Amino acid sequence: MSPSTAITTQGYAMRRVHALSGFTLLEVLITLVILSVGMLALASLQVMAIKGNSFGQQMTVASTVAQNKLEELRELEFDAVLTGYDNCTDDANGVRYTRHWTVQDDTPQPDMKTVRVSVTWTGCEAGRSVAVATIIGRL
């Protein structure tokens, strides 16, 4: 083997080794930055989903509390249905709900009452409320 052939072969082997080398540090850093940005976006979405689920639960509890009060008022004697308010707390999430109910006599017709129940609470954002209404008639 001649010396020029050995140099050519050795140069080819060096180029091949260099071509098969791993990732450069710059490539790894760019990949980590892109991955980090994606993970931060996913974390932000997760926080928004948790807040949405919490609000949905609070809205469901408030609607149930309002509906329960309407059912209680429907079971009372016609003349015993009066305006009032009370408070209740959901033990599962520790949120305090305030119920106000108003009774309008002779609305929409004589011997009928319009009852409106409003439930308010303060969650992670500003105060929220739910309102339901029904008409009760004298039998």
N, C-alpha and C. Protein backbone atom coordinates (compact mmCIF):
# COMPACT_ATOMS: atom_id res chain seq x y z
N MET A 1 0.84 -1.16 0.00
CA MET A 1 0.00 0.00 0.00
C MET A 1 0.90 1.24 0.00
N SER A 2 0.62 2.08 -0.87
CA SER A 2 1.47 3.25 -0.99
C SER A 2 1.06 4.29 0.06
N PRO A 3 1.98 5.19 0.40
CA PRO A 3 1.66 6.20 1.40
C PRO A 3 0.52 7.10 0.98
N SER A 4 0.40 7.40 -0.29
CA SER A 4 -0.70 8.28 -0.70
C SER A 4 -2.05 7.58 -0.55
N THR A 5 -2.09 6.27 -0.76
CA THR A 5 -3.32 5.52 -0.57
C THR A 5 -3.70 5.48 0.91
N ALA A 6 -2.75 5.36 1.80
CA ALA A 6 -3.03 5.32 3.24
C ALA A 6 -3.59 6.65 3.69
N ILE A 7 -3.09 7.75 3.18
CA ILE A 7 -3.60 9.08 3.57
C ILE A 7 -5.01 9.27 3.05
N THR A 8 -5.27 8.82 1.83
CA THR A 8 -6.61 8.96 1.26
C THR A 8 -7.61 8.12 2.05
N THR A 9 -7.23 6.91 2.37
CA THR A 9 -8.11 6.04 3.13
C THR A 9 -8.36 6.61 4.52
N GLN A 10 -7.32 7.11 5.13
CA GLN A 10 -7.46 7.67 6.47
C GLN A 10 -8.34 8.93 6.43
N GLY A 11 -8.21 9.75 5.42
CA GLY A 11 -9.05 10.94 5.28
C GLY A 11 -10.51 10.57 5.09
N TYR A 12 -10.76 9.53 4.32
CA TYR A 12 -12.14 9.06 4.11
C TYR A 12 -12.73 8.57 5.42
N ALA A 13 -11.93 7.85 6.20
CA ALA A 13 -12.40 7.32 7.48
C ALA A 13 -12.69 8.45 8.45
N MET A 14 -11.89 9.49 8.44
CA MET A 14 -12.11 10.63 9.33
C MET A 14 -13.39 11.38 8.96
N ARG A 15 -13.61 11.55 7.63
CA ARG A 15 -14.84 12.22 7.20
C ARG A 15 -16.06 11.40 7.59
N ARG A 16 -15.94 10.08 7.47
CA ARG A 16 -17.06 9.22 7.82
C ARG A 16 -17.36 9.27 9.31
N VAL A 17 -16.34 9.28 10.14
CA VAL A 17 -16.52 9.37 11.59
C VAL A 17 -17.14 10.72 11.94
N HIS A 18 -16.68 11.77 11.30
CA HIS A 18 -17.23 13.09 11.57
C HIS A 18 -18.69 13.17 11.13
N ALA A 19 -19.05 12.54 10.03
CA ALA A 19 -20.43 12.55 9.55
C ALA A 19 -21.34 11.75 10.47
N LEU A 20 -20.82 10.75 11.17
CA LEU A 20 -21.63 9.91 12.06
C LEU A 20 -21.64 10.40 13.50
N SER A 21 -21.01 11.53 13.75
CA SER A 21 -20.98 12.02 15.13
C SER A 21 -22.38 12.41 15.56
N GLY A 22 -22.60 12.57 16.89
CA GLY A 22 -23.91 12.85 17.45
C GLY A 22 -24.34 14.29 17.24
N PHE A 23 -25.34 14.72 18.02
CA PHE A 23 -25.86 16.07 17.93
C PHE A 23 -24.86 17.06 18.49
N THR A 24 -24.90 18.25 17.96
CA THR A 24 -24.05 19.29 18.52
C THR A 24 -24.75 19.90 19.72
N LEU A 25 -24.00 20.61 20.52
CA LEU A 25 -24.56 21.24 21.71
C LEU A 25 -25.62 22.27 21.32
N LEU A 26 -25.41 22.99 20.26
CA LEU A 26 -26.37 23.98 19.80
C LEU A 26 -27.69 23.32 19.40
N GLU A 27 -27.65 22.21 18.73
CA GLU A 27 -28.87 21.50 18.34
C GLU A 27 -29.65 21.03 19.57
N VAL A 28 -28.94 20.55 20.56
CA VAL A 28 -29.59 20.09 21.79
C VAL A 28 -30.23 21.27 22.52
N LEU A 29 -29.54 22.40 22.59
CA LEU A 29 -30.10 23.57 23.27
C LEU A 29 -31.34 24.10 22.56
N ILE A 30 -31.32 24.16 21.24
CA ILE A 30 -32.49 24.61 20.49
C ILE A 30 -33.67 23.67 20.72
N THR A 31 -33.41 22.39 20.73
CA THR A 31 -34.47 21.41 20.99
C THR A 31 -35.06 21.60 22.38
N LEU A 32 -34.20 21.84 23.38
CA LEU A 32 -34.69 22.05 24.74
C LEU A 32 -35.53 23.32 24.86
N VAL A 33 -35.15 24.37 24.16
CA VAL A 33 -35.94 25.61 24.19
C VAL A 33 -37.31 25.38 23.58
N ILE A 34 -37.38 24.72 22.44
CA ILE A 34 -38.66 24.44 21.79
C ILE A 34 -39.53 23.56 22.69
N LEU A 35 -38.94 22.55 23.29
CA LEU A 35 -39.68 21.66 24.19
C LEU A 35 -40.18 22.42 25.42
N SER A 36 -39.37 23.32 25.95
CA SER A 36 -39.78 24.10 27.13
C SER A 36 -40.96 25.02 26.81
N VAL A 37 -40.94 25.66 25.66
CA VAL A 37 -42.05 26.54 25.27
C VAL A 37 -43.34 25.73 25.14
N GLY A 38 -43.26 24.57 24.55
CA GLY A 38 -44.43 23.70 24.42
C GLY A 38 -44.97 23.24 25.76
N MET A 39 -44.07 22.89 26.68
CA MET A 39 -44.51 22.45 28.00
C MET A 39 -45.14 23.58 28.80
N LEU A 40 -44.63 24.80 28.66
CA LEU A 40 -45.24 25.95 29.35
C LEU A 40 -46.64 26.22 28.81
N ALA A 41 -46.82 26.07 27.52
CA ALA A 41 -48.15 26.26 26.94
C ALA A 41 -49.12 25.22 27.48
N LEU A 42 -48.68 23.98 27.59
CA LEU A 42 -49.54 22.92 28.14
C LEU A 42 -49.87 23.17 29.60
N ALA A 43 -48.91 23.67 30.36
CA ALA A 43 -49.17 23.98 31.77
C ALA A 43 -50.21 25.09 31.89
N SER A 44 -50.13 26.09 31.04
CA SER A 44 -51.11 27.18 31.06
C SER A 44 -52.51 26.66 30.73
N LEU A 45 -52.61 25.79 29.76
CA LEU A 45 -53.90 25.20 29.41
C LEU A 45 -54.46 24.37 30.55
N GLN A 46 -53.59 23.68 31.27
CA GLN A 46 -54.03 22.85 32.39
C GLN A 46 -54.62 23.72 33.49
N VAL A 47 -54.00 24.86 33.78
CA VAL A 47 -54.51 25.77 34.80
C VAL A 47 -55.87 26.31 34.40
N MET A 48 -56.03 26.67 33.13
CA MET A 48 -57.33 27.16 32.66
C MET A 48 -58.39 26.08 32.76
N ALA A 49 -58.06 24.85 32.48
CA ALA A 49 -59.02 23.74 32.57
C ALA A 49 -59.45 23.52 34.02
N ILE A 50 -58.52 23.61 34.93
CA ILE A 50 -58.85 23.42 36.36
C ILE A 50 -59.80 24.54 36.83
N LYS A 51 -59.53 25.78 36.44
CA LYS A 51 -60.41 26.89 36.81
C LYS A 51 -61.81 26.71 36.22
N GLY A 52 -61.87 26.27 34.97
CA GLY A 52 -63.16 26.04 34.34
C GLY A 52 -63.95 24.94 35.03
N ASN A 53 -63.28 23.87 35.42
CA ASN A 53 -63.96 22.78 36.13
C ASN A 53 -64.46 23.24 37.49
N SER A 54 -63.67 24.05 38.18
CA SER A 54 -64.06 24.55 39.49
C SER A 54 -65.30 25.45 39.36
N PHE A 55 -65.30 26.33 38.37
CA PHE A 55 -66.46 27.19 38.15
C PHE A 55 -67.69 26.37 37.80
N GLY A 56 -67.53 25.35 36.98
CA GLY A 56 -68.65 24.49 36.63
C GLY A 56 -69.25 23.79 37.84
N GLN A 57 -68.38 23.34 38.74
CA GLN A 57 -68.86 22.70 39.96
C GLN A 57 -69.62 23.70 40.82
N GLN A 58 -69.08 24.91 40.98
CA GLN A 58 -69.75 25.92 41.79
C GLN A 58 -71.09 26.31 41.19
N MET A 59 -71.16 26.41 39.87
CA MET A 59 -72.41 26.75 39.20
C MET A 59 -73.45 25.64 39.41
N THR A 60 -73.02 24.41 39.35
CA THR A 60 -73.94 23.28 39.58
C THR A 60 -74.48 23.29 40.99
N VAL A 61 -73.60 23.51 41.96
CA VAL A 61 -74.03 23.56 43.37
C VAL A 61 -75.00 24.72 43.57
N ALA A 62 -74.70 25.89 43.01
CA ALA A 62 -75.59 27.05 43.17
C ALA A 62 -76.96 26.79 42.55
N SER A 63 -76.99 26.17 41.39
CA SER A 63 -78.27 25.85 40.75
C SER A 63 -79.07 24.87 41.59
N THR A 64 -78.39 23.89 42.15
CA THR A 64 -79.06 22.90 42.99
C THR A 64 -79.60 23.55 44.27
N VAL A 65 -78.83 24.43 44.87
CA VAL A 65 -79.25 25.12 46.09
C VAL A 65 -80.48 25.98 45.80
N ALA A 66 -80.49 26.67 44.67
CA ALA A 66 -81.64 27.50 44.30
C ALA A 66 -82.88 26.64 44.05
N GLN A 67 -82.71 25.56 43.32
CA GLN A 67 -83.84 24.67 43.02
C GLN A 67 -84.39 24.03 44.28
N ASN A 68 -83.51 23.66 45.21
CA ASN A 68 -83.97 23.08 46.48
C ASN A 68 -84.83 24.07 47.26
N LYS A 69 -84.45 25.35 47.25
CA LYS A 69 -85.24 26.36 47.96
C LYS A 69 -86.61 26.53 47.31
N LEU A 70 -86.64 26.51 45.98
CA LEU A 70 -87.95 26.57 45.30
C LEU A 70 -88.84 25.41 45.71
N GLU A 71 -88.28 24.23 45.79
CA GLU A 71 -89.06 23.06 46.19
C GLU A 71 -89.57 23.20 47.62
N GLU A 72 -88.72 23.74 48.52
CA GLU A 72 -89.16 23.97 49.90
C GLU A 72 -90.32 24.95 49.94
N LEU A 73 -90.24 26.02 49.17
CA LEU A 73 -91.29 27.05 49.17
C LEU A 73 -92.58 26.52 48.55
N ARG A 74 -92.48 25.64 47.56
CA ARG A 74 -93.68 25.06 46.95
C ARG A 74 -94.45 24.18 47.93
N GLU A 75 -93.74 23.56 48.87
CA GLU A 75 -94.39 22.65 49.83
C GLU A 75 -95.06 23.39 50.98
N LEU A 76 -94.77 24.68 51.15
CA LEU A 76 -95.40 25.45 52.23
C LEU A 76 -96.84 25.80 51.87
N GLU A 77 -97.60 26.16 52.90
CA GLU A 77 -98.94 26.69 52.67
C GLU A 77 -98.81 27.99 51.88
N PHE A 78 -99.82 28.31 51.07
CA PHE A 78 -99.77 29.47 50.18
C PHE A 78 -99.46 30.76 50.94
N ASP A 79 -100.11 30.97 52.10
CA ASP A 79 -99.91 32.22 52.85
C ASP A 79 -98.58 32.24 53.60
N ALA A 80 -97.92 31.09 53.73
CA ALA A 80 -96.64 31.03 54.46
C ALA A 80 -95.44 31.31 53.56
N VAL A 81 -95.65 31.47 52.28
CA VAL A 81 -94.55 31.74 51.35
C VAL A 81 -94.24 33.23 51.42
N LEU A 82 -93.09 33.56 52.04
CA LEU A 82 -92.70 34.95 52.26
C LEU A 82 -91.25 35.17 51.80
N THR A 83 -90.90 36.44 51.59
CA THR A 83 -89.54 36.81 51.19
C THR A 83 -88.56 36.51 52.32
N GLY A 84 -87.32 36.12 51.94
CA GLY A 84 -86.32 35.84 52.96
C GLY A 84 -84.95 35.57 52.36
N TYR A 85 -84.03 35.17 53.22
CA TYR A 85 -82.68 34.82 52.77
C TYR A 85 -82.05 33.87 53.76
N ASP A 86 -81.02 33.15 53.34
CA ASP A 86 -80.21 32.31 54.23
C ASP A 86 -78.86 32.04 53.56
N ASN A 87 -77.98 31.37 54.28
CA ASN A 87 -76.65 31.03 53.78
C ASN A 87 -76.44 29.53 53.90
N CYS A 88 -75.65 29.00 53.01
CA CYS A 88 -75.25 27.60 53.12
C CYS A 88 -73.83 27.47 52.57
N THR A 89 -73.12 26.45 53.03
CA THR A 89 -71.74 26.23 52.62
C THR A 89 -71.61 24.85 52.02
N ASP A 90 -70.92 24.76 50.91
CA ASP A 90 -70.61 23.48 50.29
C ASP A 90 -69.37 22.93 50.97
N ASP A 91 -69.53 21.83 51.71
CA ASP A 91 -68.41 21.26 52.46
C ASP A 91 -67.32 20.71 51.54
N ALA A 92 -67.66 20.30 50.34
CA ALA A 92 -66.68 19.71 49.43
C ALA A 92 -65.63 20.72 48.99
N ASN A 93 -66.06 21.97 48.69
CA ASN A 93 -65.09 22.95 48.22
C ASN A 93 -64.99 24.19 49.11
N GLY A 94 -65.78 24.25 50.17
CA GLY A 94 -65.68 25.35 51.13
C GLY A 94 -66.23 26.67 50.64
N VAL A 95 -67.05 26.67 49.62
CA VAL A 95 -67.61 27.91 49.08
C VAL A 95 -68.90 28.22 49.83
N ARG A 96 -69.09 29.49 50.19
CA ARG A 96 -70.30 29.91 50.89
C ARG A 96 -71.27 30.53 49.90
N TYR A 97 -72.49 30.03 49.91
CA TYR A 97 -73.55 30.50 49.01
C TYR A 97 -74.59 31.26 49.82
N THR A 98 -75.07 32.37 49.28
CA THR A 98 -76.12 33.16 49.91
C THR A 98 -77.36 33.11 49.02
N ARG A 99 -78.49 32.69 49.63
CA ARG A 99 -79.75 32.61 48.89
C ARG A 99 -80.67 33.74 49.31
N HIS A 100 -81.22 34.43 48.35
CA HIS A 100 -82.26 35.45 48.58
C HIS A 100 -83.47 35.03 47.76
N TRP A 101 -84.62 35.04 48.38
CA TRP A 101 -85.83 34.77 47.61
C TRP A 101 -86.83 35.89 47.85
N THR A 102 -87.44 36.30 46.76
CA THR A 102 -88.46 37.37 46.81
C THR A 102 -89.78 36.78 46.35
N VAL A 103 -90.84 37.24 47.01
CA VAL A 103 -92.17 36.77 46.70
C VAL A 103 -93.03 37.98 46.33
N GLN A 104 -93.63 37.93 45.16
CA GLN A 104 -94.54 39.00 44.72
C GLN A 104 -95.96 38.44 44.73
N ASP A 105 -96.81 39.04 45.56
CA ASP A 105 -98.20 38.58 45.67
C ASP A 105 -99.01 39.04 44.47
N ASP A 106 -100.03 38.25 44.15
CA ASP A 106 -100.99 38.54 43.07
C ASP A 106 -100.30 38.84 41.73
N THR A 107 -99.24 38.11 41.47
CA THR A 107 -98.52 38.26 40.21
C THR A 107 -98.34 36.88 39.60
N PRO A 108 -98.68 36.62 38.43
CA PRO A 108 -99.23 37.46 37.38
C PRO A 108 -100.75 37.59 37.46
N GLN A 109 -101.40 36.81 38.31
CA GLN A 109 -102.87 36.85 38.46
C GLN A 109 -103.19 36.89 39.95
N PRO A 110 -104.41 37.27 40.32
CA PRO A 110 -104.80 37.16 41.73
C PRO A 110 -104.71 35.70 42.19
N ASP A 111 -104.42 35.51 43.46
CA ASP A 111 -104.24 34.18 44.07
C ASP A 111 -103.04 33.44 43.48
N MET A 112 -102.06 34.16 43.02
CA MET A 112 -100.80 33.59 42.55
C MET A 112 -99.64 34.40 43.10
N LYS A 113 -98.49 33.75 43.24
CA LYS A 113 -97.28 34.42 43.70
C LYS A 113 -96.13 34.06 42.76
N THR A 114 -95.33 35.06 42.43
CA THR A 114 -94.11 34.82 41.67
C THR A 114 -92.95 34.77 42.66
N VAL A 115 -92.23 33.67 42.65
CA VAL A 115 -91.11 33.47 43.58
C VAL A 115 -89.82 33.43 42.77
N ARG A 116 -88.87 34.29 43.15
CA ARG A 116 -87.55 34.32 42.52
C ARG A 116 -86.50 34.00 43.57
N VAL A 117 -85.65 33.02 43.26
CA VAL A 117 -84.55 32.66 44.16
C VAL A 117 -83.25 33.01 43.46
N SER A 118 -82.42 33.78 44.15
CA SER A 118 -81.11 34.18 43.62
C SER A 118 -80.04 33.65 44.56
N VAL A 119 -79.05 32.98 44.00
CA VAL A 119 -77.94 32.44 44.78
C VAL A 119 -76.67 33.15 44.32
N THR A 120 -75.94 33.72 45.28
CA THR A 120 -74.68 34.40 44.97
C THR A 120 -73.54 33.75 45.74
N TRP A 121 -72.35 33.83 45.17
CA TRP A 121 -71.15 33.32 45.81
C TRP A 121 -69.95 34.03 45.21
N THR A 122 -68.83 33.96 45.90
CA THR A 122 -67.59 34.53 45.40
C THR A 122 -66.61 33.40 45.21
N GLY A 123 -66.23 33.19 43.96
CA GLY A 123 -65.25 32.15 43.65
C GLY A 123 -63.88 32.77 43.49
N CYS A 124 -63.08 32.18 42.58
CA CYS A 124 -61.73 32.69 42.35
C CYS A 124 -61.76 34.01 41.61
N GLU A 125 -62.88 34.36 41.03
CA GLU A 125 -63.01 35.64 40.32
C GLU A 125 -64.06 36.49 41.03
N ALA A 126 -64.61 37.44 40.35
CA ALA A 126 -65.62 38.32 40.93
C ALA A 126 -66.87 37.52 41.31
N GLY A 127 -67.77 38.16 42.06
CA GLY A 127 -68.98 37.49 42.52
C GLY A 127 -69.80 36.92 41.39
N ARG A 128 -70.38 35.78 41.62
CA ARG A 128 -71.20 35.08 40.63
C ARG A 128 -72.60 34.93 41.19
N SER A 129 -73.57 34.69 40.31
CA SER A 129 -74.94 34.48 40.77
C SER A 129 -75.72 33.61 39.80
N VAL A 130 -76.74 32.95 40.35
CA VAL A 130 -77.68 32.13 39.59
C VAL A 130 -79.07 32.51 40.08
N ALA A 131 -80.02 32.60 39.17
CA ALA A 131 -81.39 32.94 39.57
C ALA A 131 -82.38 31.99 38.89
N VAL A 132 -83.38 31.57 39.67
CA VAL A 132 -84.48 30.75 39.14
C VAL A 132 -85.79 31.35 39.64
N ALA A 133 -86.86 31.08 38.93
CA ALA A 133 -88.16 31.64 39.31
C ALA A 133 -89.26 30.63 39.03
N THR A 134 -90.36 30.78 39.75
CA THR A 134 -91.54 29.95 39.53
C THR A 134 -92.77 30.73 39.96
N ILE A 135 -93.92 30.21 39.61
CA ILE A 135 -95.20 30.80 40.01
C ILE A 135 -95.93 29.76 40.85
N ILE A 136 -96.41 30.20 42.01
CA ILE A 136 -97.15 29.33 42.91
C ILE A 136 -98.57 29.84 42.96
N GLY A 137 -99.53 28.94 42.83
CA GLY A 137 -100.93 29.33 42.88
C GLY A 137 -101.65 28.75 44.08
N ARG A 138 -102.70 29.42 44.51
CA ARG A 138 -103.51 28.93 45.64
C ARG A 138 -104.40 27.81 45.10
N LEU A 139 -104.44 26.73 45.82
CA LEU A 139 -105.27 25.60 45.40
C LEU A 139 -106.64 25.67 46.00
